[in-house]
Amino acid sequence: MQRPAIGIIALVLLFAGAGLYFGVGGSQALTWAAGCLRIGMVMAVTWLAYPQLSRLPLWLFGLLLACVVAVALRPKLLIAAVVILIAAVILRPRKPGRNSDRR
């Protein structure tokens, strides 16, 4: 997805959430407003971080997605997911540098 599309989706969701929150009353409207605002904020952060996310290795993105799904299904796995992500970032495969032949 391209960066302008992410920004437009974020703005639409944020405006829709604000419109539902301030315009229409009722618990159902507040539920939809909260959902639109939360997803809109996540999309806005994704829009801001898009240049860095495009350089994210595919395996790390998959691991992050798997951890998010696991925590969403079982919130008690939050600590384990954080430990796994930190270990993956620290122990990730490194590209050989200029001084890789030194022993």
PDB file of N, CA and C in Angstrom:
ATOM      1  N   MET A   1       0.848  -1.174   0.000  1.00  0.00           N
ATOM      2  CA  MET A   1       0.000   0.000   0.000  1.00  0.00           C
ATOM      3  C   MET A   1       0.894   1.237   0.000  1.00  0.00           C
ATOM      4  N   GLN A   2       0.490   2.247  -0.706  1.00  0.00           N
ATOM      5  CA  GLN A   2       1.298   3.451  -0.798  1.00  0.00           C
ATOM      6  C   GLN A   2       0.984   4.401   0.354  1.00  0.00           C
ATOM      7  N   ARG A   3       1.973   5.215   0.664  1.00  0.00           N
ATOM      8  CA  ARG A   3       1.871   6.092   1.826  1.00  0.00           C
ATOM      9  C   ARG A   3       0.697   7.078   1.747  1.00  0.00           C
ATOM     10  N   PRO A   4       0.420   7.729   0.607  1.00  0.00           N
ATOM     11  CA  PRO A   4      -0.736   8.646   0.588  1.00  0.00           C
ATOM     12  C   PRO A   4      -2.064   7.946   0.865  1.00  0.00           C
ATOM     13  N   ALA A   5      -2.206   6.721   0.395  1.00  0.00           N
ATOM     14  CA  ALA A   5      -3.452   5.983   0.647  1.00  0.00           C
ATOM     15  C   ALA A   5      -3.613   5.706   2.138  1.00  0.00           C
ATOM     16  N   ILE A   6      -2.522   5.363   2.807  1.00  0.00           N
ATOM     17  CA  ILE A   6      -2.582   5.116   4.248  1.00  0.00           C
ATOM     18  C   ILE A   6      -2.991   6.392   4.980  1.00  0.00           C
ATOM     19  N   GLY A   7      -2.436   7.524   4.579  1.00  0.00           N
ATOM     20  CA  GLY A   7      -2.791   8.799   5.204  1.00  0.00           C
ATOM     21  C   GLY A   7      -4.252   9.171   4.987  1.00  0.00           C
ATOM     22  N   ILE A   8      -4.754   8.936   3.778  1.00  0.00           N
ATOM     23  CA  ILE A   8      -6.154   9.262   3.489  1.00  0.00           C
ATOM     24  C   ILE A   8      -7.093   8.370   4.298  1.00  0.00           C
ATOM     25  N   ILE A   9      -6.770   7.076   4.378  1.00  0.00           N
ATOM     26  CA  ILE A   9      -7.594   6.158   5.170  1.00  0.00           C
ATOM     27  C   ILE A   9      -7.586   6.574   6.641  1.00  0.00           C
ATOM     28  N   ALA A  10      -6.419   6.976   7.145  1.00  0.00           N
ATOM     29  CA  ALA A  10      -6.332   7.419   8.541  1.00  0.00           C
ATOM     30  C   ALA A  10      -7.200   8.647   8.785  1.00  0.00           C
ATOM     31  N   LEU A  11      -7.126   9.619   7.885  1.00  0.00           N
ATOM     32  CA  LEU A  11      -7.938  10.831   8.050  1.00  0.00           C
ATOM     33  C   LEU A  11      -9.428  10.523   7.989  1.00  0.00           C
ATOM     34  N   VAL A  12      -9.838   9.683   7.043  1.00  0.00           N
ATOM     35  CA  VAL A  12     -11.254   9.338   6.928  1.00  0.00           C
ATOM     36  C   VAL A  12     -11.751   8.650   8.201  1.00  0.00           C
ATOM     37  N   LEU A  13     -10.961   7.713   8.711  1.00  0.00           N
ATOM     38  CA  LEU A  13     -11.365   7.025   9.940  1.00  0.00           C
ATOM     39  C   LEU A  13     -11.413   7.965  11.137  1.00  0.00           C
ATOM     40  N   LEU A  14     -10.437   8.861  11.245  1.00  0.00           N
ATOM     41  CA  LEU A  14     -10.434   9.797  12.367  1.00  0.00           C
ATOM     42  C   LEU A  14     -11.619  10.753  12.298  1.00  0.00           C
ATOM     43  N   PHE A  15     -11.924  11.272  11.106  1.00  0.00           N
ATOM     44  CA  PHE A  15     -13.076  12.165  10.972  1.00  0.00           C
ATOM     45  C   PHE A  15     -14.392  11.419  11.190  1.00  0.00           C
ATOM     46  N   ALA A  16     -14.478  10.177  10.706  1.00  0.00           N
ATOM     47  CA  ALA A  16     -15.695   9.391  10.919  1.00  0.00           C
ATOM     48  C   ALA A  16     -15.887   9.101  12.405  1.00  0.00           C
ATOM     49  N   GLY A  17     -14.800   8.753  13.090  1.00  0.00           N
ATOM     50  CA  GLY A  17     -14.898   8.497  14.526  1.00  0.00           C
ATOM     51  C   GLY A  17     -15.300   9.734  15.299  1.00  0.00           C
ATOM     52  N   ALA A  18     -14.721  10.883  14.943  1.00  0.00           N
ATOM     53  CA  ALA A  18     -15.090  12.126  15.622  1.00  0.00           C
ATOM     54  C   ALA A  18     -16.535  12.501  15.333  1.00  0.00           C
ATOM     55  N   GLY A  19     -16.974  12.302  14.093  1.00  0.00           N
ATOM     56  CA  GLY A  19     -18.359  12.602  13.740  1.00  0.00           C
ATOM     57  C   GLY A  19     -19.339  11.718  14.481  1.00  0.00           C
ATOM     58  N   LEU A  20     -19.013  10.433  14.599  1.00  0.00           N
ATOM     59  CA  LEU A  20     -19.889   9.525  15.342  1.00  0.00           C
ATOM     60  C   LEU A  20     -19.893   9.844  16.832  1.00  0.00           C
ATOM     61  N   TYR A  21     -18.746  10.241  17.351  1.00  0.00           N
ATOM     62  CA  TYR A  21     -18.653  10.517  18.788  1.00  0.00           C
ATOM     63  C   TYR A  21     -19.429  11.778  19.158  1.00  0.00           C
ATOM     64  N   PHE A  22     -19.254  12.839  18.370  1.00  0.00           N
ATOM     65  CA  PHE A  22     -19.889  14.116  18.716  1.00  0.00           C
ATOM     66  C   PHE A  22     -21.277  14.285  18.105  1.00  0.00           C
ATOM     67  N   GLY A  23     -21.566  13.574  17.014  1.00  0.00           N
ATOM     68  CA  GLY A  23     -22.827  13.793  16.311  1.00  0.00           C
ATOM     69  C   GLY A  23     -23.954  12.911  16.787  1.00  0.00           C
ATOM     70  N   VAL A  24     -23.792  11.631  16.641  1.00  0.00           N
ATOM     71  CA  VAL A  24     -24.871  10.682  16.919  1.00  0.00           C
ATOM     72  C   VAL A  24     -24.726  10.184  18.347  1.00  0.00           C
ATOM     73  N   GLY A  25     -25.837  10.027  19.027  1.00  0.00           N
ATOM     74  CA  GLY A  25     -25.803   9.499  20.387  1.00  0.00           C
ATOM     75  C   GLY A  25     -26.084   8.010  20.394  1.00  0.00           C
ATOM     76  N   GLY A  26     -25.960   7.421  21.539  1.00  0.00           N
ATOM     77  CA  GLY A  26     -26.263   6.000  21.677  1.00  0.00           C
ATOM     78  C   GLY A  26     -25.009   5.168  21.856  1.00  0.00           C
ATOM     79  N   SER A  27     -25.193   4.022  22.471  1.00  0.00           N
ATOM     80  CA  SER A  27     -24.037   3.181  22.779  1.00  0.00           C
ATOM     81  C   SER A  27     -23.462   2.539  21.520  1.00  0.00           C
ATOM     82  N   GLN A  28     -24.316   2.211  20.543  1.00  0.00           N
ATOM     83  CA  GLN A  28     -23.820   1.601  19.308  1.00  0.00           C
ATOM     84  C   GLN A  28     -22.947   2.586  18.533  1.00  0.00           C
ATOM     85  N   ALA A  29     -23.343   3.844  18.496  1.00  0.00           N
ATOM     86  CA  ALA A  29     -22.545   4.859  17.802  1.00  0.00           C
ATOM     87  C   ALA A  29     -21.218   5.078  18.513  1.00  0.00           C
ATOM     88  N   LEU A  30     -21.226   5.030  19.846  1.00  0.00           N
ATOM     89  CA  LEU A  30     -19.971   5.193  20.589  1.00  0.00           C
ATOM     90  C   LEU A  30     -19.030   4.019  20.363  1.00  0.00           C
ATOM     91  N   THR A  31     -19.591   2.835  20.190  1.00  0.00           N
ATOM     92  CA  THR A  31     -18.761   1.668  19.896  1.00  0.00           C
ATOM     93  C   THR A  31     -18.082   1.825  18.538  1.00  0.00           C
ATOM     94  N   TRP A  32     -18.845   2.232  17.531  1.00  0.00           N
ATOM     95  CA  TRP A  32     -18.263   2.446  16.206  1.00  0.00           C
ATOM     96  C   TRP A  32     -17.276   3.611  16.216  1.00  0.00           C
ATOM     97  N   ALA A  33     -17.580   4.649  16.982  1.00  0.00           N
ATOM     98  CA  ALA A  33     -16.668   5.786  17.078  1.00  0.00           C
ATOM     99  C   ALA A  33     -15.334   5.365  17.686  1.00  0.00           C
ATOM    100  N   ALA A  34     -15.394   4.566  18.746  1.00  0.00           N
ATOM    101  CA  ALA A  34     -14.157   4.103  19.380  1.00  0.00           C
ATOM    102  C   ALA A  34     -13.337   3.254  18.420  1.00  0.00           C
ATOM    103  N   GLY A  35     -14.003   2.382  17.677  1.00  0.00           N
ATOM    104  CA  GLY A  35     -13.293   1.549  16.707  1.00  0.00           C
ATOM    105  C   GLY A  35     -12.645   2.375  15.613  1.00  0.00           C
ATOM    106  N   CYS A  36     -13.387   3.334  15.069  1.00  0.00           N
ATOM    107  CA  CYS A  36     -12.841   4.189  14.008  1.00  0.00           C
ATOM    108  C   CYS A  36     -11.664   5.020  14.519  1.00  0.00           C
ATOM    109  N   LEU A  37     -11.787   5.550  15.728  1.00  0.00           N
ATOM    110  CA  LEU A  37     -10.704   6.359  16.278  1.00  0.00           C
ATOM    111  C   LEU A  37      -9.454   5.525  16.541  1.00  0.00           C
ATOM    112  N   ARG A  38      -9.618   4.331  17.068  1.00  0.00           N
ATOM    113  CA  ARG A  38      -8.457   3.484  17.356  1.00  0.00           C
ATOM    114  C   ARG A  38      -7.756   3.046  16.077  1.00  0.00           C
ATOM    115  N   ILE A  39      -8.525   2.577  15.115  1.00  0.00           N
ATOM    116  CA  ILE A  39      -7.920   2.134  13.859  1.00  0.00           C
ATOM    117  C   ILE A  39      -7.329   3.327  13.115  1.00  0.00           C
ATOM    118  N   GLY A  40      -7.990   4.469  13.185  1.00  0.00           N
ATOM    119  CA  GLY A  40      -7.458   5.678  12.547  1.00  0.00           C
ATOM    120  C   GLY A  40      -6.125   6.109  13.150  1.00  0.00           C
ATOM    121  N   MET A  41      -5.999   5.990  14.471  1.00  0.00           N
ATOM    122  CA  MET A  41      -4.721   6.333  15.110  1.00  0.00           C
ATOM    123  C   MET A  41      -3.622   5.358  14.714  1.00  0.00           C
ATOM    124  N   VAL A  42      -3.956   4.072  14.630  1.00  0.00           N
ATOM    125  CA  VAL A  42      -2.962   3.080  14.207  1.00  0.00           C
ATOM    126  C   VAL A  42      -2.536   3.346  12.765  1.00  0.00           C
ATOM    127  N   MET A  43      -3.488   3.672  11.906  1.00  0.00           N
ATOM    128  CA  MET A  43      -3.155   3.978  10.512  1.00  0.00           C
ATOM    129  C   MET A  43      -2.317   5.253  10.407  1.00  0.00           C
ATOM    130  N   ALA A  44      -2.598   6.246  11.259  1.00  0.00           N
ATOM    131  CA  ALA A  44      -1.800   7.475  11.248  1.00  0.00           C
ATOM    132  C   ALA A  44      -0.364   7.206  11.673  1.00  0.00           C
ATOM    133  N   VAL A  45      -0.187   6.365  12.681  1.00  0.00           N
ATOM    134  CA  VAL A  45       1.162   6.001  13.118  1.00  0.00           C
ATOM    135  C   VAL A  45       1.865   5.198  12.025  1.00  0.00           C
ATOM    136  N   THR A  46       1.127   4.317  11.349  1.00  0.00           N
ATOM    137  CA  THR A  46       1.695   3.557  10.231  1.00  0.00           C
ATOM    138  C   THR A  46       2.114   4.502   9.118  1.00  0.00           C
ATOM    139  N   TRP A  47       1.311   5.527   8.841  1.00  0.00           N
ATOM    140  CA  TRP A  47       1.661   6.509   7.822  1.00  0.00           C
ATOM    141  C   TRP A  47       2.955   7.235   8.197  1.00  0.00           C
ATOM    142  N   LEU A  48       3.100   7.581   9.463  1.00  0.00           N
ATOM    143  CA  LEU A  48       4.317   8.264   9.894  1.00  0.00           C
ATOM    144  C   LEU A  48       5.545   7.359   9.802  1.00  0.00           C
ATOM    145  N   ALA A  49       5.386   6.095  10.118  1.00  0.00           N
ATOM    146  CA  ALA A  49       6.521   5.172  10.169  1.00  0.00           C
ATOM    147  C   ALA A  49       6.741   4.412   8.868  1.00  0.00           C
ATOM    148  N   TYR A  50       6.018   4.734   7.809  1.00  0.00           N
ATOM    149  CA  TYR A  50       6.078   3.952   6.577  1.00  0.00           C
ATOM    150  C   TYR A  50       7.488   3.821   5.992  1.00  0.00           C
ATOM    151  N   PRO A  51       8.316   4.867   5.955  1.00  0.00           N
ATOM    152  CA  PRO A  51       9.671   4.678   5.401  1.00  0.00           C
ATOM    153  C   PRO A  51      10.494   3.649   6.182  1.00  0.00           C
ATOM    154  N   GLN A  52      10.363   3.618   7.487  1.00  0.00           N
ATOM    155  CA  GLN A  52      11.095   2.635   8.284  1.00  0.00           C
ATOM    156  C   GLN A  52      10.481   1.240   8.152  1.00  0.00           C
ATOM    157  N   LEU A  53       9.156   1.167   8.023  1.00  0.00           N
ATOM    158  CA  LEU A  53       8.503  -0.131   7.886  1.00  0.00           C
ATOM    159  C   LEU A  53       8.812  -0.789   6.553  1.00  0.00           C
ATOM    160  N   SER A  54       9.094   0.010   5.536  1.00  0.00           N
ATOM    161  CA  SER A  54       9.407  -0.583   4.232  1.00  0.00           C
ATOM    162  C   SER A  54      10.760  -1.288   4.257  1.00  0.00           C
ATOM    163  N   ARG A  55      11.608  -0.963   5.226  1.00  0.00           N
ATOM    164  CA  ARG A  55      12.909  -1.625   5.354  1.00  0.00           C
ATOM    165  C   ARG A  55      12.887  -2.766   6.366  1.00  0.00           C
ATOM    166  N   LEU A  56      11.732  -3.054   6.934  1.00  0.00           N
ATOM    167  CA  LEU A  56      11.595  -4.123   7.926  1.00  0.00           C
ATOM    168  C   LEU A  56      11.698  -5.474   7.226  1.00  0.00           C
ATOM    169  N   PRO A  57      12.534  -6.380   7.729  1.00  0.00           N
ATOM    170  CA  PRO A  57      12.624  -7.700   7.108  1.00  0.00           C
ATOM    171  C   PRO A  57      11.281  -8.428   7.185  1.00  0.00           C
ATOM    172  N   LEU A  58      10.998  -9.216   6.174  1.00  0.00           N
ATOM    173  CA  LEU A  58       9.707  -9.888   6.090  1.00  0.00           C
ATOM    174  C   LEU A  58       9.500 -10.863   7.238  1.00  0.00           C
ATOM    175  N   TRP A  59      10.547 -11.559   7.655  1.00  0.00           N
ATOM    176  CA  TRP A  59      10.401 -12.531   8.740  1.00  0.00           C
ATOM    177  C   TRP A  59      10.069 -11.838  10.059  1.00  0.00           C
ATOM    178  N   LEU A  60      10.629 -10.626  10.285  1.00  0.00           N
ATOM    179  CA  LEU A  60      10.340  -9.896  11.515  1.00  0.00           C
ATOM    180  C   LEU A  60       8.904  -9.372  11.507  1.00  0.00           C
ATOM    181  N   PHE A  61       8.439  -8.961  10.340  1.00  0.00           N
ATOM    182  CA  PHE A  61       7.054  -8.515  10.222  1.00  0.00           C
ATOM    183  C   PHE A  61       6.098  -9.667  10.507  1.00  0.00           C
ATOM    184  N   GLY A  62       6.409 -10.844   9.989  1.00  0.00           N
ATOM    185  CA  GLY A  62       5.577 -12.017  10.246  1.00  0.00           C
ATOM    186  C   GLY A  62       5.562 -12.399  11.718  1.00  0.00           C
ATOM    187  N   LEU A  63       6.727 -12.322  12.360  1.00  0.00           N
ATOM    188  CA  LEU A  63       6.813 -12.630  13.789  1.00  0.00           C
ATOM    189  C   LEU A  63       6.009 -11.625  14.608  1.00  0.00           C
ATOM    190  N   LEU A  64       6.094 -10.354  14.252  1.00  0.00           N
ATOM    191  CA  LEU A  64       5.331  -9.321  14.942  1.00  0.00           C
ATOM    192  C   LEU A  64       3.829  -9.559  14.791  1.00  0.00           C
ATOM    193  N   LEU A  65       3.402  -9.903  13.592  1.00  0.00           N
ATOM    194  CA  LEU A  65       1.990 -10.178  13.352  1.00  0.00           C
ATOM    195  C   LEU A  65       1.526 -11.389  14.150  1.00  0.00           C
ATOM    196  N   ALA A  66       2.343 -12.424  14.196  1.00  0.00           N
ATOM    197  CA  ALA A  66       1.996 -13.620  14.967  1.00  0.00           C
ATOM    198  C   ALA A  66       1.882 -13.303  16.457  1.00  0.00           C
ATOM    199  N   CYS A  67       2.784 -12.472  16.979  1.00  0.00           N
ATOM    200  CA  CYS A  67       2.722 -12.092  18.396  1.00  0.00           C
ATOM    201  C   CYS A  67       1.481 -11.256  18.697  1.00  0.00           C
ATOM    202  N   VAL A  68       1.130 -10.356  17.794  1.00  0.00           N
ATOM    203  CA  VAL A  68      -0.067  -9.529  18.003  1.00  0.00           C
ATOM    204  C   VAL A  68      -1.320 -10.412  18.026  1.00  0.00           C
ATOM    205  N   VAL A  69      -1.400 -11.363  17.105  1.00  0.00           N
ATOM    206  CA  VAL A  69      -2.552 -12.258  17.070  1.00  0.00           C
ATOM    207  C   VAL A  69      -2.601 -13.120  18.343  1.00  0.00           C
ATOM    208  N   ALA A  70      -1.445 -13.621  18.777  1.00  0.00           N
ATOM    209  CA  ALA A  70      -1.400 -14.451  19.981  1.00  0.00           C
ATOM    210  C   ALA A  70      -1.846 -13.662  21.209  1.00  0.00           C
ATOM    211  N   VAL A  71      -1.404 -12.422  21.332  1.00  0.00           N
ATOM    212  CA  VAL A  71      -1.788 -11.598  22.487  1.00  0.00           C
ATOM    213  C   VAL A  71      -3.262 -11.214  22.400  1.00  0.00           C
ATOM    214  N   ALA A  72      -3.773 -11.007  21.178  1.00  0.00           N
ATOM    215  CA  ALA A  72      -5.193 -10.684  21.032  1.00  0.00           C
ATOM    216  C   ALA A  72      -6.067 -11.864  21.460  1.00  0.00           C
ATOM    217  N   LEU A  73      -5.615 -13.074  21.156  1.00  0.00           N
ATOM    218  CA  LEU A  73      -6.396 -14.254  21.532  1.00  0.00           C
ATOM    219  C   LEU A  73      -6.205 -14.629  22.999  1.00  0.00           C
ATOM    220  N   ARG A  74      -4.993 -14.501  23.492  1.00  0.00           N
ATOM    221  CA  ARG A  74      -4.666 -14.854  24.881  1.00  0.00           C
ATOM    222  C   ARG A  74      -3.838 -13.729  25.500  1.00  0.00           C
ATOM    223  N   PRO A  75      -4.464 -12.776  26.190  1.00  0.00           N
ATOM    224  CA  PRO A  75      -3.733 -11.636  26.758  1.00  0.00           C
ATOM    225  C   PRO A  75      -2.628 -12.021  27.746  1.00  0.00           C
ATOM    226  N   LYS A  76      -2.709 -13.207  28.328  1.00  0.00           N
ATOM    227  CA  LYS A  76      -1.676 -13.627  29.272  1.00  0.00           C
ATOM    228  C   LYS A  76      -0.335 -13.883  28.582  1.00  0.00           C
ATOM    229  N   LEU A  77      -0.335 -13.971  27.259  1.00  0.00           N
ATOM    230  CA  LEU A  77       0.896 -14.214  26.506  1.00  0.00           C
ATOM    231  C   LEU A  77       1.677 -12.930  26.209  1.00  0.00           C
ATOM    232  N   LEU A  78       1.247 -11.793  26.758  1.00  0.00           N
ATOM    233  CA  LEU A  78       1.900 -10.519  26.461  1.00  0.00           C
ATOM    234  C   LEU A  78       3.372 -10.529  26.848  1.00  0.00           C
ATOM    235  N   ILE A  79       3.692 -10.989  28.023  1.00  0.00           N
ATOM    236  CA  ILE A  79       5.089 -10.986  28.481  1.00  0.00           C
ATOM    237  C   ILE A  79       5.933 -11.905  27.607  1.00  0.00           C
ATOM    238  N   ALA A  80       5.411 -13.081  27.284  1.00  0.00           N
ATOM    239  CA  ALA A  80       6.152 -14.010  26.427  1.00  0.00           C
ATOM    240  C   ALA A  80       6.360 -13.420  25.035  1.00  0.00           C
ATOM    241  N   ALA A  81       5.347 -12.744  24.501  1.00  0.00           N
ATOM    242  CA  ALA A  81       5.473 -12.143  23.174  1.00  0.00           C
ATOM    243  C   ALA A  81       6.519 -11.034  23.171  1.00  0.00           C
ATOM    244  N   VAL A  82       6.558 -10.216  24.208  1.00  0.00           N
ATOM    245  CA  VAL A  82       7.555  -9.147  24.297  1.00  0.00           C
ATOM    246  C   VAL A  82       8.960  -9.745  24.380  1.00  0.00           C
ATOM    247  N   VAL A  83       9.135 -10.794  25.175  1.00  0.00           N
ATOM    248  CA  VAL A  83      10.443 -11.442  25.300  1.00  0.00           C
ATOM    249  C   VAL A  83      10.866 -12.035  23.954  1.00  0.00           C
ATOM    250  N   ILE A  84       9.949 -12.668  23.240  1.00  0.00           N
ATOM    251  CA  ILE A  84      10.270 -13.257  21.940  1.00  0.00           C
ATOM    252  C   ILE A  84      10.669 -12.175  20.943  1.00  0.00           C
ATOM    253  N   LEU A  85       9.947 -11.056  20.925  1.00  0.00           N
ATOM    254  CA  LEU A  85      10.283  -9.977  19.996  1.00  0.00           C
ATOM    255  C   LEU A  85      11.638  -9.348  20.316  1.00  0.00           C
ATOM    256  N   ILE A  86      11.917  -9.139  21.595  1.00  0.00           N
ATOM    257  CA  ILE A  86      13.220  -8.571  21.976  1.00  0.00           C
ATOM    258  C   ILE A  86      14.339  -9.534  21.601  1.00  0.00           C
ATOM    259  N   ALA A  87      14.147 -10.820  21.857  1.00  0.00           N
ATOM    260  CA  ALA A  87      15.169 -11.811  21.494  1.00  0.00           C
ATOM    261  C   ALA A  87      15.362 -11.860  19.986  1.00  0.00           C
ATOM    262  N   ALA A  88      14.296 -11.751  19.219  1.00  0.00           N
ATOM    263  CA  ALA A  88      14.414 -11.783  17.758  1.00  0.00           C
ATOM    264  C   ALA A  88      15.172 -10.562  17.232  1.00  0.00           C
ATOM    265  N   VAL A  89      14.933  -9.402  17.841  1.00  0.00           N
ATOM    266  CA  VAL A  89      15.642  -8.202  17.398  1.00  0.00           C
ATOM    267  C   VAL A  89      17.125  -8.286  17.750  1.00  0.00           C
ATOM    268  N   ILE A  90      17.433  -8.798  18.934  1.00  0.00           N
ATOM    269  CA  ILE A  90      18.833  -8.898  19.357  1.00  0.00           C
ATOM    270  C   ILE A  90      19.570  -9.985  18.577  1.00  0.00           C
ATOM    271  N   LEU A  91      18.924 -11.124  18.342  1.00  0.00           N
ATOM    272  CA  LEU A  91      19.578 -12.261  17.715  1.00  0.00           C
ATOM    273  C   LEU A  91      19.336 -12.363  16.211  1.00  0.00           C
ATOM    274  N   ARG A  92      18.850 -11.298  15.593  1.00  0.00           N
ATOM    275  CA  ARG A  92      18.551 -11.358  14.158  1.00  0.00           C
ATOM    276  C   ARG A  92      19.818 -11.612  13.340  1.00  0.00           C
ATOM    277  N   PRO A  93      19.652 -12.190  12.163  1.00  0.00           N
ATOM    278  CA  PRO A  93      20.819 -12.411  11.317  1.00  0.00           C
ATOM    279  C   PRO A  93      21.389 -11.079  10.847  1.00  0.00           C
ATOM    280  N   ARG A  94      22.673 -10.952  10.914  1.00  0.00           N
ATOM    281  CA  ARG A  94      23.335  -9.707  10.529  1.00  0.00           C
ATOM    282  C   ARG A  94      23.956  -9.868   9.148  1.00  0.00           C
ATOM    283  N   LYS A  95      24.000  -8.763   8.419  1.00  0.00           N
ATOM    284  CA  LYS A  95      24.675  -8.766   7.131  1.00  0.00           C
ATOM    285  C   LYS A  95      26.178  -8.712   7.387  1.00  0.00           C
ATOM    286  N   PRO A  96      26.936  -9.446   6.604  1.00  0.00           N
ATOM    287  CA  PRO A  96      28.389  -9.388   6.801  1.00  0.00           C
ATOM    288  C   PRO A  96      28.928  -7.997   6.507  1.00  0.00           C
ATOM    289  N   GLY A  97      29.717  -7.498   7.415  1.00  0.00           N
ATOM    290  CA  GLY A  97      30.290  -6.161   7.258  1.00  0.00           C
ATOM    291  C   GLY A  97      31.659  -6.206   6.612  1.00  0.00           C
ATOM    292  N   ARG A  98      32.332  -5.072   6.631  1.00  0.00           N
ATOM    293  CA  ARG A  98      33.665  -4.986   6.033  1.00  0.00           C
ATOM    294  C   ARG A  98      34.688  -5.805   6.808  1.00  0.00           C
ATOM    295  N   ASN A  99      34.497  -5.896   8.120  1.00  0.00           N
ATOM    296  CA  ASN A  99      35.477  -6.592   8.951  1.00  0.00           C
ATOM    297  C   ASN A  99      35.027  -8.015   9.305  1.00  0.00           C
ATOM    298  N   SER A 100      34.274  -8.654   8.408  1.00  0.00           N
ATOM    299  CA  SER A 100      33.755  -9.979   8.724  1.00  0.00           C
ATOM    300  C   SER A 100      34.826 -11.066   8.646  1.00  0.00           C
ATOM    301  N   ASP A 101      35.986 -10.777   7.994  1.00  0.00           N
ATOM    302  CA  ASP A 101      37.031 -11.790   7.891  1.00  0.00           C
ATOM    303  C   ASP A 101      37.948 -11.787   9.120  1.00  0.00           C
ATOM    304  N   ARG A 102      37.778 -10.862  10.056  1.00  0.00           N
ATOM    305  CA  ARG A 102      38.596 -10.837  11.269  1.00  0.00           C
ATOM    306  C   ARG A 102      38.109 -11.904  12.229  1.00  0.00           C
ATOM    307  N   ARG A 103      39.058 -12.582  12.877  1.00  0.00           N
ATOM    308  CA  ARG A 103      38.666 -13.632  13.828  1.00  0.00           C
ATOM    309  C   ARG A 103      39.314 -13.418  15.137  1.00  0.00           C
TER     310      ARG A 103
END
